[in-house]
N, C-alpha and C. Protein backbone atom coordinates (compact mmCIF):
# COMPACT_ATOMS: atom_id res chain seq x y z
N MET A 1 -16.86 -1.71 -1.78
CA MET A 1 -17.46 -0.62 -0.99
C MET A 1 -16.64 0.64 -1.19
N SER A 2 -17.29 1.77 -1.46
CA SER A 2 -16.56 3.01 -1.69
C SER A 2 -16.97 4.11 -0.75
N GLY A 3 -17.80 3.83 0.24
CA GLY A 3 -18.17 4.84 1.21
C GLY A 3 -19.40 5.62 0.77
N ARG A 4 -19.67 6.71 1.45
CA ARG A 4 -20.89 7.48 1.20
C ARG A 4 -20.65 8.69 0.29
N ASP A 5 -19.42 9.05 0.06
CA ASP A 5 -19.10 10.23 -0.74
C ASP A 5 -19.30 9.92 -2.22
N PRO A 6 -20.26 10.57 -2.90
CA PRO A 6 -20.51 10.24 -4.30
C PRO A 6 -19.35 10.60 -5.22
N ILE A 7 -18.58 11.63 -4.89
CA ILE A 7 -17.43 12.00 -5.73
C ILE A 7 -16.37 10.91 -5.64
N LEU A 8 -16.07 10.46 -4.42
CA LEU A 8 -15.10 9.39 -4.25
C LEU A 8 -15.60 8.10 -4.90
N SER A 9 -16.87 7.79 -4.72
CA SER A 9 -17.44 6.58 -5.31
C SER A 9 -17.30 6.60 -6.82
N SER A 10 -17.59 7.73 -7.45
CA SER A 10 -17.47 7.84 -8.90
C SER A 10 -16.01 7.70 -9.35
N LEU A 11 -15.10 8.30 -8.59
CA LEU A 11 -13.68 8.21 -8.93
C LEU A 11 -13.18 6.77 -8.84
N LEU A 12 -13.58 6.07 -7.81
CA LEU A 12 -13.18 4.67 -7.67
C LEU A 12 -13.74 3.82 -8.80
N ASP A 13 -14.96 4.09 -9.21
CA ASP A 13 -15.53 3.37 -10.35
C ASP A 13 -14.71 3.63 -11.61
N ASP A 14 -14.30 4.87 -11.81
CA ASP A 14 -13.49 5.21 -12.99
C ASP A 14 -12.14 4.49 -12.95
N ILE A 15 -11.53 4.43 -11.77
CA ILE A 15 -10.24 3.75 -11.64
C ILE A 15 -10.40 2.27 -11.98
N ARG A 16 -11.44 1.65 -11.47
CA ARG A 16 -11.64 0.22 -11.71
C ARG A 16 -11.95 -0.10 -13.17
N LYS A 17 -12.38 0.90 -13.92
CA LYS A 17 -12.62 0.72 -15.35
C LYS A 17 -11.43 1.14 -16.21
N CYS A 18 -10.37 1.60 -15.58
CA CYS A 18 -9.24 2.18 -16.32
C CYS A 18 -8.58 1.14 -17.23
N ARG A 19 -8.26 1.55 -18.44
CA ARG A 19 -7.59 0.68 -19.42
C ARG A 19 -6.38 1.40 -20.05
N ILE A 20 -5.88 2.44 -19.41
CA ILE A 20 -4.81 3.25 -19.98
C ILE A 20 -3.58 2.43 -20.32
N CYS A 21 -3.24 1.47 -19.45
CA CYS A 21 -2.01 0.69 -19.63
C CYS A 21 -2.25 -0.67 -20.29
N ALA A 22 -3.40 -0.87 -20.86
CA ALA A 22 -3.77 -2.19 -21.37
C ALA A 22 -2.73 -2.78 -22.31
N ASP A 23 -2.11 -1.95 -23.15
CA ASP A 23 -1.14 -2.45 -24.13
C ASP A 23 0.16 -2.91 -23.50
N PHE A 24 0.40 -2.53 -22.22
CA PHE A 24 1.68 -2.84 -21.57
C PHE A 24 1.56 -3.92 -20.50
N LEU A 25 0.35 -4.40 -20.25
CA LEU A 25 0.14 -5.34 -19.15
C LEU A 25 0.01 -6.75 -19.70
N PRO A 26 0.88 -7.67 -19.27
CA PRO A 26 0.90 -9.01 -19.85
C PRO A 26 -0.37 -9.81 -19.60
N ARG A 27 -1.07 -9.52 -18.52
CA ARG A 27 -2.32 -10.23 -18.22
C ARG A 27 -3.55 -9.34 -18.35
N GLY A 28 -3.35 -8.18 -18.93
CA GLY A 28 -4.46 -7.26 -19.11
C GLY A 28 -4.73 -6.45 -17.85
N PRO A 29 -5.55 -5.42 -17.97
CA PRO A 29 -5.84 -4.57 -16.82
C PRO A 29 -6.82 -5.21 -15.84
N ARG A 30 -6.52 -5.07 -14.57
CA ARG A 30 -7.45 -5.42 -13.50
C ARG A 30 -7.08 -4.58 -12.28
N PRO A 31 -7.53 -3.34 -12.25
CA PRO A 31 -7.16 -2.46 -11.13
C PRO A 31 -7.63 -3.03 -9.79
N VAL A 32 -6.71 -3.05 -8.82
CA VAL A 32 -7.01 -3.60 -7.50
C VAL A 32 -6.69 -2.55 -6.45
N LEU A 33 -7.71 -2.16 -5.71
CA LEU A 33 -7.55 -1.23 -4.59
C LEU A 33 -8.80 -1.30 -3.73
N GLN A 34 -8.71 -0.73 -2.53
CA GLN A 34 -9.91 -0.56 -1.71
C GLN A 34 -9.79 0.76 -0.98
N ALA A 35 -10.92 1.46 -0.85
CA ALA A 35 -10.90 2.76 -0.18
C ALA A 35 -12.33 3.16 0.15
N SER A 36 -12.46 4.05 1.11
CA SER A 36 -13.75 4.62 1.44
C SER A 36 -13.51 5.96 2.12
N ASP A 37 -14.59 6.68 2.35
CA ASP A 37 -14.45 7.98 3.00
C ASP A 37 -14.40 7.88 4.52
N THR A 38 -14.35 6.67 5.07
CA THR A 38 -14.25 6.50 6.52
C THR A 38 -12.95 5.82 6.94
N ALA A 39 -12.13 5.38 5.99
CA ALA A 39 -10.88 4.70 6.33
C ALA A 39 -9.95 5.66 7.05
N ARG A 40 -9.37 5.20 8.16
CA ARG A 40 -8.44 6.01 8.92
C ARG A 40 -7.00 5.54 8.75
N ILE A 41 -6.81 4.33 8.24
CA ILE A 41 -5.48 3.77 8.00
C ILE A 41 -5.33 3.56 6.50
N PHE A 42 -4.23 4.07 5.93
CA PHE A 42 -3.93 3.88 4.52
C PHE A 42 -2.73 2.96 4.39
N VAL A 43 -2.86 1.93 3.58
CA VAL A 43 -1.74 1.08 3.20
C VAL A 43 -1.38 1.46 1.76
N CYS A 44 -0.21 2.04 1.60
CA CYS A 44 0.22 2.57 0.30
C CYS A 44 1.38 1.72 -0.20
N GLY A 45 1.09 0.84 -1.16
CA GLY A 45 2.09 -0.10 -1.63
C GLY A 45 2.58 0.18 -3.03
N GLN A 46 3.03 -0.86 -3.72
CA GLN A 46 3.67 -0.71 -5.01
C GLN A 46 2.75 -1.11 -6.16
N ALA A 47 2.48 -2.41 -6.32
CA ALA A 47 1.60 -2.89 -7.38
C ALA A 47 1.18 -4.31 -7.04
N PRO A 48 0.03 -4.75 -7.53
CA PRO A 48 -0.41 -6.12 -7.26
C PRO A 48 0.54 -7.15 -7.86
N GLY A 49 0.67 -8.27 -7.19
CA GLY A 49 1.40 -9.40 -7.74
C GLY A 49 0.47 -10.28 -8.56
N ALA A 50 1.02 -11.38 -9.08
CA ALA A 50 0.24 -12.25 -9.96
C ALA A 50 -0.96 -12.86 -9.23
N ARG A 51 -0.78 -13.30 -7.99
CA ARG A 51 -1.89 -13.91 -7.26
C ARG A 51 -2.97 -12.89 -6.96
N VAL A 52 -2.57 -11.67 -6.63
CA VAL A 52 -3.55 -10.62 -6.39
C VAL A 52 -4.32 -10.32 -7.68
N HIS A 53 -3.63 -10.31 -8.79
CA HIS A 53 -4.31 -10.10 -10.07
C HIS A 53 -5.39 -11.16 -10.30
N GLU A 54 -5.07 -12.40 -9.99
CA GLU A 54 -6.03 -13.48 -10.22
C GLU A 54 -7.25 -13.38 -9.31
N THR A 55 -7.04 -12.97 -8.07
CA THR A 55 -8.13 -12.96 -7.09
C THR A 55 -8.84 -11.61 -7.00
N GLY A 56 -8.16 -10.55 -7.41
CA GLY A 56 -8.73 -9.21 -7.28
C GLY A 56 -8.75 -8.69 -5.87
N LEU A 57 -8.01 -9.33 -4.96
CA LEU A 57 -7.99 -8.95 -3.56
C LEU A 57 -6.59 -8.47 -3.19
N PRO A 58 -6.43 -7.22 -2.75
CA PRO A 58 -5.08 -6.69 -2.49
C PRO A 58 -4.37 -7.45 -1.37
N PHE A 59 -3.08 -7.67 -1.58
CA PHE A 59 -2.23 -8.35 -0.60
C PHE A 59 -2.78 -9.73 -0.21
N ASN A 60 -3.40 -10.39 -1.16
CA ASN A 60 -3.90 -11.75 -0.92
C ASN A 60 -2.83 -12.75 -1.30
N ASP A 61 -1.73 -12.74 -0.57
CA ASP A 61 -0.55 -13.54 -0.89
C ASP A 61 0.36 -13.58 0.33
N PRO A 62 1.50 -14.27 0.27
CA PRO A 62 2.39 -14.31 1.43
C PRO A 62 2.86 -12.94 1.89
N SER A 63 3.02 -11.99 0.96
CA SER A 63 3.39 -10.63 1.36
C SER A 63 2.30 -10.05 2.26
N GLY A 64 1.05 -10.29 1.90
CA GLY A 64 -0.06 -9.80 2.71
C GLY A 64 -0.11 -10.46 4.08
N ASP A 65 0.22 -11.74 4.14
CA ASP A 65 0.25 -12.42 5.44
C ASP A 65 1.26 -11.75 6.36
N ARG A 66 2.43 -11.43 5.83
CA ARG A 66 3.45 -10.78 6.66
C ARG A 66 3.01 -9.36 7.03
N LEU A 67 2.44 -8.64 6.09
CA LEU A 67 1.98 -7.28 6.38
C LEU A 67 0.91 -7.28 7.46
N ARG A 68 -0.05 -8.19 7.37
CA ARG A 68 -1.09 -8.26 8.40
C ARG A 68 -0.49 -8.60 9.76
N ASP A 69 0.55 -9.43 9.76
CA ASP A 69 1.23 -9.74 11.01
C ASP A 69 1.92 -8.49 11.56
N TRP A 70 2.58 -7.74 10.70
CA TRP A 70 3.20 -6.49 11.16
C TRP A 70 2.15 -5.56 11.77
N MET A 71 0.97 -5.50 11.15
CA MET A 71 -0.07 -4.60 11.62
C MET A 71 -0.84 -5.16 12.82
N GLY A 72 -0.78 -6.47 13.02
CA GLY A 72 -1.52 -7.08 14.11
C GLY A 72 -3.01 -7.14 13.85
N VAL A 73 -3.40 -7.37 12.58
CA VAL A 73 -4.82 -7.42 12.23
C VAL A 73 -5.14 -8.74 11.53
N ASP A 74 -6.39 -9.14 11.59
CA ASP A 74 -6.83 -10.33 10.87
C ASP A 74 -7.33 -9.93 9.48
N ARG A 75 -7.67 -10.92 8.68
CA ARG A 75 -8.09 -10.65 7.30
C ARG A 75 -9.39 -9.83 7.26
N ALA A 76 -10.31 -10.13 8.15
CA ALA A 76 -11.58 -9.41 8.14
C ALA A 76 -11.37 -7.92 8.36
N THR A 77 -10.50 -7.59 9.30
CA THR A 77 -10.21 -6.19 9.57
C THR A 77 -9.47 -5.55 8.40
N PHE A 78 -8.48 -6.27 7.89
CA PHE A 78 -7.65 -5.74 6.81
C PHE A 78 -8.48 -5.43 5.57
N TYR A 79 -9.46 -6.28 5.28
CA TYR A 79 -10.27 -6.11 4.08
C TYR A 79 -11.57 -5.36 4.32
N ASP A 80 -11.63 -4.62 5.41
CA ASP A 80 -12.76 -3.74 5.68
C ASP A 80 -12.42 -2.35 5.15
N PRO A 81 -12.94 -1.95 3.99
CA PRO A 81 -12.55 -0.66 3.42
C PRO A 81 -13.03 0.53 4.25
N GLY A 82 -13.99 0.29 5.13
CA GLY A 82 -14.41 1.36 6.02
C GLY A 82 -13.37 1.71 7.06
N ARG A 83 -12.39 0.82 7.24
CA ARG A 83 -11.35 1.03 8.24
C ARG A 83 -9.97 1.19 7.63
N ILE A 84 -9.70 0.44 6.57
CA ILE A 84 -8.37 0.44 5.96
C ILE A 84 -8.49 0.64 4.46
N ALA A 85 -7.82 1.65 3.94
CA ALA A 85 -7.70 1.87 2.50
C ALA A 85 -6.39 1.24 2.02
N ILE A 86 -6.43 0.62 0.86
CA ILE A 86 -5.24 -0.01 0.27
C ILE A 86 -5.08 0.55 -1.13
N VAL A 87 -4.06 1.38 -1.31
CA VAL A 87 -3.88 2.11 -2.57
C VAL A 87 -2.44 1.95 -3.06
N PRO A 88 -2.20 1.06 -4.01
CA PRO A 88 -0.83 0.88 -4.54
C PRO A 88 -0.49 1.97 -5.55
N MET A 89 0.79 2.11 -5.83
CA MET A 89 1.23 3.07 -6.84
C MET A 89 0.79 2.65 -8.23
N GLY A 90 0.77 1.37 -8.48
CA GLY A 90 0.22 0.83 -9.73
C GLY A 90 -0.96 -0.06 -9.39
N PHE A 91 -2.08 0.15 -10.03
CA PHE A 91 -3.29 -0.60 -9.67
C PHE A 91 -3.36 -1.98 -10.32
N CYS A 92 -2.55 -2.21 -11.35
CA CYS A 92 -2.60 -3.48 -12.08
C CYS A 92 -1.26 -4.21 -12.00
N TYR A 93 -1.33 -5.52 -12.14
CA TYR A 93 -0.12 -6.35 -12.14
C TYR A 93 0.75 -5.98 -13.35
N PRO A 94 2.01 -5.58 -13.12
CA PRO A 94 2.85 -5.09 -14.22
C PRO A 94 3.61 -6.18 -14.96
N GLY A 95 3.59 -7.42 -14.46
CA GLY A 95 4.36 -8.49 -15.09
C GLY A 95 5.72 -8.67 -14.44
N ARG A 96 6.48 -9.63 -14.96
CA ARG A 96 7.77 -9.99 -14.39
C ARG A 96 8.91 -9.34 -15.15
N ASP A 97 9.99 -9.03 -14.42
CA ASP A 97 11.17 -8.51 -15.07
C ASP A 97 12.14 -9.64 -15.39
N ALA A 98 13.28 -9.32 -15.97
CA ALA A 98 14.24 -10.34 -16.42
C ALA A 98 14.85 -11.11 -15.27
N ARG A 99 14.83 -10.54 -14.07
CA ARG A 99 15.43 -11.20 -12.90
C ARG A 99 14.43 -12.08 -12.15
N GLY A 100 13.19 -12.10 -12.60
CA GLY A 100 12.19 -12.94 -11.95
C GLY A 100 11.33 -12.23 -10.94
N GLY A 101 11.62 -10.96 -10.67
CA GLY A 101 10.76 -10.19 -9.78
C GLY A 101 9.70 -9.45 -10.58
N ASP A 102 8.85 -8.75 -9.88
CA ASP A 102 7.82 -7.97 -10.57
C ASP A 102 8.41 -6.67 -11.12
N LYS A 103 7.89 -6.25 -12.25
CA LYS A 103 8.29 -4.97 -12.82
C LYS A 103 7.81 -3.82 -11.93
N PRO A 104 8.37 -2.62 -12.12
CA PRO A 104 7.89 -1.46 -11.35
C PRO A 104 6.43 -1.15 -11.68
N PRO A 105 5.76 -0.43 -10.79
CA PRO A 105 4.39 -0.01 -11.09
C PRO A 105 4.35 0.83 -12.36
N CYS A 106 3.30 0.70 -13.13
CA CYS A 106 3.14 1.54 -14.31
C CYS A 106 3.00 3.01 -13.87
N PRO A 107 3.84 3.91 -14.36
CA PRO A 107 3.79 5.30 -13.89
C PRO A 107 2.50 6.02 -14.28
N GLN A 108 1.79 5.51 -15.28
CA GLN A 108 0.56 6.17 -15.71
C GLN A 108 -0.49 6.21 -14.59
N CYS A 109 -0.44 5.25 -13.67
CA CYS A 109 -1.41 5.25 -12.56
C CYS A 109 -1.27 6.52 -11.73
N ALA A 110 -0.05 6.77 -11.26
CA ALA A 110 0.17 7.96 -10.43
C ALA A 110 -0.10 9.23 -11.22
N GLU A 111 0.34 9.25 -12.46
CA GLU A 111 0.16 10.45 -13.28
C GLU A 111 -1.31 10.75 -13.52
N THR A 112 -2.12 9.72 -13.65
CA THR A 112 -3.53 9.89 -14.01
C THR A 112 -4.45 10.00 -12.79
N TRP A 113 -4.17 9.20 -11.76
CA TRP A 113 -5.17 9.02 -10.71
C TRP A 113 -4.77 9.49 -9.32
N HIS A 114 -3.51 9.38 -8.95
CA HIS A 114 -3.18 9.45 -7.52
C HIS A 114 -3.46 10.79 -6.87
N ASP A 115 -3.09 11.88 -7.49
CA ASP A 115 -3.36 13.17 -6.86
C ASP A 115 -4.87 13.37 -6.66
N ARG A 116 -5.65 13.00 -7.66
CA ARG A 116 -7.10 13.14 -7.55
C ARG A 116 -7.66 12.24 -6.45
N LEU A 117 -7.16 11.01 -6.38
CA LEU A 117 -7.68 10.07 -5.40
C LEU A 117 -7.35 10.50 -3.99
N PHE A 118 -6.10 10.88 -3.74
CA PHE A 118 -5.73 11.25 -2.37
C PHE A 118 -6.35 12.58 -1.96
N ASP A 119 -6.65 13.45 -2.93
CA ASP A 119 -7.39 14.66 -2.61
C ASP A 119 -8.83 14.33 -2.20
N ALA A 120 -9.39 13.27 -2.76
CA ALA A 120 -10.78 12.89 -2.47
C ALA A 120 -10.91 12.09 -1.18
N LEU A 121 -9.84 11.44 -0.77
CA LEU A 121 -9.87 10.62 0.45
C LEU A 121 -9.72 11.51 1.68
N PRO A 122 -10.21 11.03 2.83
CA PRO A 122 -10.02 11.79 4.07
C PRO A 122 -8.55 11.76 4.51
N GLN A 123 -8.18 12.69 5.35
CA GLN A 123 -6.84 12.68 5.91
C GLN A 123 -6.70 11.48 6.84
N PRO A 124 -5.74 10.59 6.58
CA PRO A 124 -5.64 9.40 7.43
C PRO A 124 -5.00 9.70 8.77
N ALA A 125 -5.31 8.85 9.74
CA ALA A 125 -4.62 8.93 11.02
C ALA A 125 -3.26 8.26 10.94
N LEU A 126 -3.13 7.29 10.01
CA LEU A 126 -1.88 6.55 9.85
C LEU A 126 -1.73 6.16 8.39
N LYS A 127 -0.55 6.41 7.85
CA LYS A 127 -0.24 6.01 6.49
C LYS A 127 0.98 5.11 6.53
N LEU A 128 0.82 3.85 6.10
CA LEU A 128 1.92 2.89 6.01
C LEU A 128 2.39 2.90 4.56
N VAL A 129 3.64 3.31 4.35
CA VAL A 129 4.15 3.54 3.00
C VAL A 129 5.20 2.47 2.68
N ILE A 130 4.83 1.57 1.76
CA ILE A 130 5.58 0.34 1.55
C ILE A 130 6.39 0.39 0.26
N GLY A 131 7.71 0.30 0.40
CA GLY A 131 8.57 0.21 -0.77
C GLY A 131 8.98 1.57 -1.31
N ARG A 132 10.03 1.56 -2.11
CA ARG A 132 10.63 2.81 -2.57
C ARG A 132 9.71 3.62 -3.49
N TYR A 133 8.98 2.96 -4.37
CA TYR A 133 8.13 3.71 -5.29
C TYR A 133 7.06 4.49 -4.53
N ALA A 134 6.42 3.85 -3.56
CA ALA A 134 5.42 4.54 -2.76
C ALA A 134 6.05 5.62 -1.90
N GLN A 135 7.23 5.36 -1.37
CA GLN A 135 7.90 6.36 -0.53
C GLN A 135 8.29 7.58 -1.33
N ASP A 136 8.75 7.39 -2.56
CA ASP A 136 9.10 8.54 -3.40
C ASP A 136 7.89 9.44 -3.63
N TYR A 137 6.71 8.84 -3.76
CA TYR A 137 5.50 9.64 -3.99
C TYR A 137 4.97 10.27 -2.70
N HIS A 138 4.85 9.48 -1.66
CA HIS A 138 4.16 9.95 -0.45
C HIS A 138 5.05 10.76 0.48
N LEU A 139 6.34 10.54 0.44
CA LEU A 139 7.23 11.26 1.35
C LEU A 139 7.79 12.52 0.72
N LYS A 140 7.48 12.76 -0.53
CA LYS A 140 7.74 14.05 -1.18
C LYS A 140 9.15 14.59 -0.97
N GLY A 141 10.14 13.78 -1.36
CA GLY A 141 11.52 14.24 -1.29
C GLY A 141 12.19 14.09 0.06
N HIS A 142 11.52 13.49 1.02
CA HIS A 142 12.10 13.32 2.36
C HIS A 142 12.60 11.91 2.60
N THR A 143 12.87 11.18 1.53
CA THR A 143 13.42 9.84 1.67
C THR A 143 14.92 9.90 1.87
N GLY A 144 15.48 8.82 2.40
CA GLY A 144 16.92 8.71 2.50
C GLY A 144 17.51 8.27 1.17
N LYS A 145 18.81 8.07 1.18
CA LYS A 145 19.48 7.63 -0.05
C LYS A 145 19.10 6.20 -0.43
N THR A 146 18.72 5.42 0.56
CA THR A 146 18.28 4.05 0.32
C THR A 146 16.99 3.80 1.06
N LEU A 147 16.30 2.73 0.69
CA LEU A 147 15.10 2.36 1.42
C LEU A 147 15.43 2.07 2.88
N THR A 148 16.54 1.40 3.11
CA THR A 148 16.92 1.08 4.49
C THR A 148 17.07 2.34 5.32
N GLU A 149 17.70 3.35 4.77
CA GLU A 149 17.86 4.61 5.49
C GLU A 149 16.51 5.26 5.77
N THR A 150 15.62 5.23 4.80
CA THR A 150 14.29 5.81 5.00
C THR A 150 13.53 5.09 6.10
N VAL A 151 13.55 3.75 6.09
CA VAL A 151 12.84 2.99 7.11
C VAL A 151 13.49 3.17 8.47
N ARG A 152 14.81 3.21 8.51
CA ARG A 152 15.51 3.38 9.79
C ARG A 152 15.16 4.72 10.44
N ASN A 153 14.86 5.72 9.61
CA ASN A 153 14.52 7.04 10.12
C ASN A 153 13.01 7.24 10.26
N TRP A 154 12.27 6.18 10.50
CA TRP A 154 10.82 6.23 10.55
C TRP A 154 10.29 7.22 11.58
N ARG A 155 11.02 7.42 12.65
CA ARG A 155 10.56 8.36 13.69
C ARG A 155 10.51 9.79 13.19
N ASP A 156 11.28 10.09 12.15
CA ASP A 156 11.33 11.46 11.63
C ASP A 156 9.99 11.90 11.04
N PHE A 157 9.10 10.95 10.77
CA PHE A 157 7.83 11.28 10.13
C PHE A 157 6.70 11.47 11.13
N GLY A 158 7.03 11.47 12.41
CA GLY A 158 6.09 11.89 13.44
C GLY A 158 5.03 10.89 13.85
N GLY A 159 5.10 9.67 13.34
CA GLY A 159 4.15 8.64 13.77
C GLY A 159 2.91 8.53 12.92
N ALA A 160 2.53 9.58 12.19
CA ALA A 160 1.36 9.50 11.33
C ALA A 160 1.69 8.85 10.00
N VAL A 161 2.95 8.79 9.66
CA VAL A 161 3.45 8.11 8.47
C VAL A 161 4.58 7.18 8.90
N ILE A 162 4.51 5.93 8.49
CA ILE A 162 5.58 4.98 8.80
C ILE A 162 6.03 4.31 7.51
N PRO A 163 7.27 4.55 7.08
CA PRO A 163 7.79 3.86 5.88
C PRO A 163 8.17 2.43 6.22
N LEU A 164 7.86 1.51 5.32
CA LEU A 164 8.11 0.09 5.54
C LEU A 164 8.81 -0.50 4.32
N PRO A 165 9.59 -1.57 4.52
CA PRO A 165 10.07 -2.34 3.38
C PRO A 165 8.93 -3.15 2.81
N HIS A 166 9.11 -3.67 1.61
CA HIS A 166 8.08 -4.55 1.08
C HIS A 166 8.08 -5.86 1.85
N PRO A 167 6.92 -6.38 2.26
CA PRO A 167 6.87 -7.61 3.05
C PRO A 167 7.06 -8.89 2.24
N SER A 168 7.51 -8.79 1.02
CA SER A 168 7.68 -9.96 0.16
C SER A 168 8.65 -10.98 0.75
N PRO A 169 8.38 -12.26 0.57
CA PRO A 169 9.36 -13.28 0.98
C PRO A 169 10.71 -13.12 0.29
N ARG A 170 10.74 -12.44 -0.84
CA ARG A 170 12.01 -12.19 -1.53
C ARG A 170 12.92 -11.28 -0.72
N ASN A 171 12.37 -10.59 0.28
CA ASN A 171 13.16 -9.68 1.10
C ASN A 171 13.64 -10.31 2.40
N ILE A 172 13.60 -11.62 2.49
CA ILE A 172 13.97 -12.28 3.75
C ILE A 172 15.39 -11.94 4.17
N GLY A 173 16.29 -11.76 3.19
CA GLY A 173 17.66 -11.37 3.52
C GLY A 173 17.71 -10.00 4.17
N TRP A 174 16.89 -9.08 3.69
CA TRP A 174 16.85 -7.74 4.29
C TRP A 174 16.38 -7.83 5.73
N PHE A 175 15.34 -8.62 5.98
CA PHE A 175 14.82 -8.75 7.34
C PHE A 175 15.89 -9.31 8.28
N LYS A 176 16.69 -10.27 7.80
CA LYS A 176 17.73 -10.86 8.63
C LYS A 176 18.86 -9.86 8.91
N ARG A 177 19.19 -9.04 7.93
CA ARG A 177 20.27 -8.07 8.10
C ARG A 177 19.85 -6.87 8.95
N ASN A 178 18.56 -6.65 9.06
CA ASN A 178 18.05 -5.46 9.74
C ASN A 178 17.08 -5.88 10.85
N ALA A 179 17.63 -6.58 11.84
CA ALA A 179 16.79 -7.10 12.92
C ALA A 179 16.11 -5.98 13.71
N TRP A 180 16.67 -4.78 13.68
CA TRP A 180 16.06 -3.64 14.38
C TRP A 180 14.64 -3.37 13.86
N PHE A 181 14.36 -3.75 12.62
CA PHE A 181 13.02 -3.48 12.08
C PHE A 181 11.96 -4.23 12.88
N GLU A 182 12.17 -5.51 13.11
CA GLU A 182 11.20 -6.31 13.86
C GLU A 182 11.10 -5.86 15.31
N SER A 183 12.21 -5.42 15.90
CA SER A 183 12.20 -5.08 17.32
C SER A 183 11.73 -3.65 17.58
N GLU A 184 11.90 -2.74 16.59
CA GLU A 184 11.57 -1.34 16.81
C GLU A 184 10.35 -0.88 16.02
N VAL A 185 10.34 -1.17 14.73
CA VAL A 185 9.31 -0.59 13.87
C VAL A 185 8.00 -1.38 13.97
N VAL A 186 8.08 -2.70 13.91
CA VAL A 186 6.85 -3.50 13.93
C VAL A 186 6.02 -3.24 15.19
N PRO A 187 6.60 -3.19 16.39
CA PRO A 187 5.77 -2.88 17.56
C PRO A 187 5.12 -1.50 17.47
N ALA A 188 5.81 -0.54 16.87
CA ALA A 188 5.22 0.80 16.71
C ALA A 188 4.06 0.76 15.74
N VAL A 189 4.18 -0.01 14.67
CA VAL A 189 3.09 -0.15 13.71
C VAL A 189 1.88 -0.78 14.40
N ARG A 190 2.10 -1.87 15.12
CA ARG A 190 0.98 -2.55 15.77
C ARG A 190 0.28 -1.64 16.79
N SER A 191 1.06 -0.90 17.53
CA SER A 191 0.48 0.00 18.53
C SER A 191 -0.35 1.09 17.87
N ALA A 192 0.18 1.68 16.80
CA ALA A 192 -0.55 2.75 16.11
C ALA A 192 -1.84 2.22 15.49
N VAL A 193 -1.76 1.06 14.86
CA VAL A 193 -2.94 0.46 14.23
C VAL A 193 -4.00 0.15 15.28
N ARG A 194 -3.58 -0.44 16.38
CA ARG A 194 -4.54 -0.82 17.42
C ARG A 194 -5.21 0.40 18.02
N THR A 195 -4.46 1.46 18.25
CA THR A 195 -5.04 2.68 18.82
C THR A 195 -6.11 3.24 17.91
N ILE A 196 -5.85 3.27 16.61
CA ILE A 196 -6.82 3.81 15.66
C ILE A 196 -8.04 2.91 15.56
N LEU A 197 -7.84 1.61 15.43
CA LEU A 197 -8.98 0.71 15.31
C LEU A 197 -9.84 0.70 16.56
N ASP A 198 -9.19 0.77 17.73
CA ASP A 198 -9.95 0.82 18.97
C ASP A 198 -10.80 2.08 19.04
N GLY A 199 -10.28 3.15 18.45
CA GLY A 199 -11.05 4.40 18.44
C GLY A 199 -12.26 4.36 17.51
N GLN A 200 -12.22 3.45 16.52
CA GLN A 200 -13.33 3.29 15.59
C GLN A 200 -14.37 2.28 16.07
N ALA A 201 -13.99 1.47 17.06
CA ALA A 201 -14.88 0.39 17.50
C ALA A 201 -16.15 0.95 18.15
């Protein structure tokens, strides 16, 4: 679903047909995103993982389970593009790096599509910005020296933007070292999400 805006609908079709990075993607291109002209919440992440690539459904993995828990939403709500847009920095699975994690998002996505896409989308009531790559793009030079510093200073963004760590199980050590995140940031995320969704009901 791409909403009622024909310009946005055409742009989303073009993104889903994109093959710019085909030579660099180990499993080939499969752009994964969801958006519409009525979404009020934007989830801005990094890039699809292997399971997301296979299913074509964003955050359809343990990272998504944790993210939905942070947001306090069920799968039906999360995958309703009329309410929630999901736009990663890289639309396709980039493959694995030498350490066993995923490679960074392909920069060609942002260079080719992101400014045009976010110009075509409505102004969100809430933007959840996940991981350093997304924060570097969306926070426009207002990040801290580390991701932890950026997330710890989440109040500085006024509530309409909330920077988050990646919800990957690989980050379990970070969650344990930064217990303030679960006690301070997660309740704020849930409250903001609920207020917006209740307003759309």
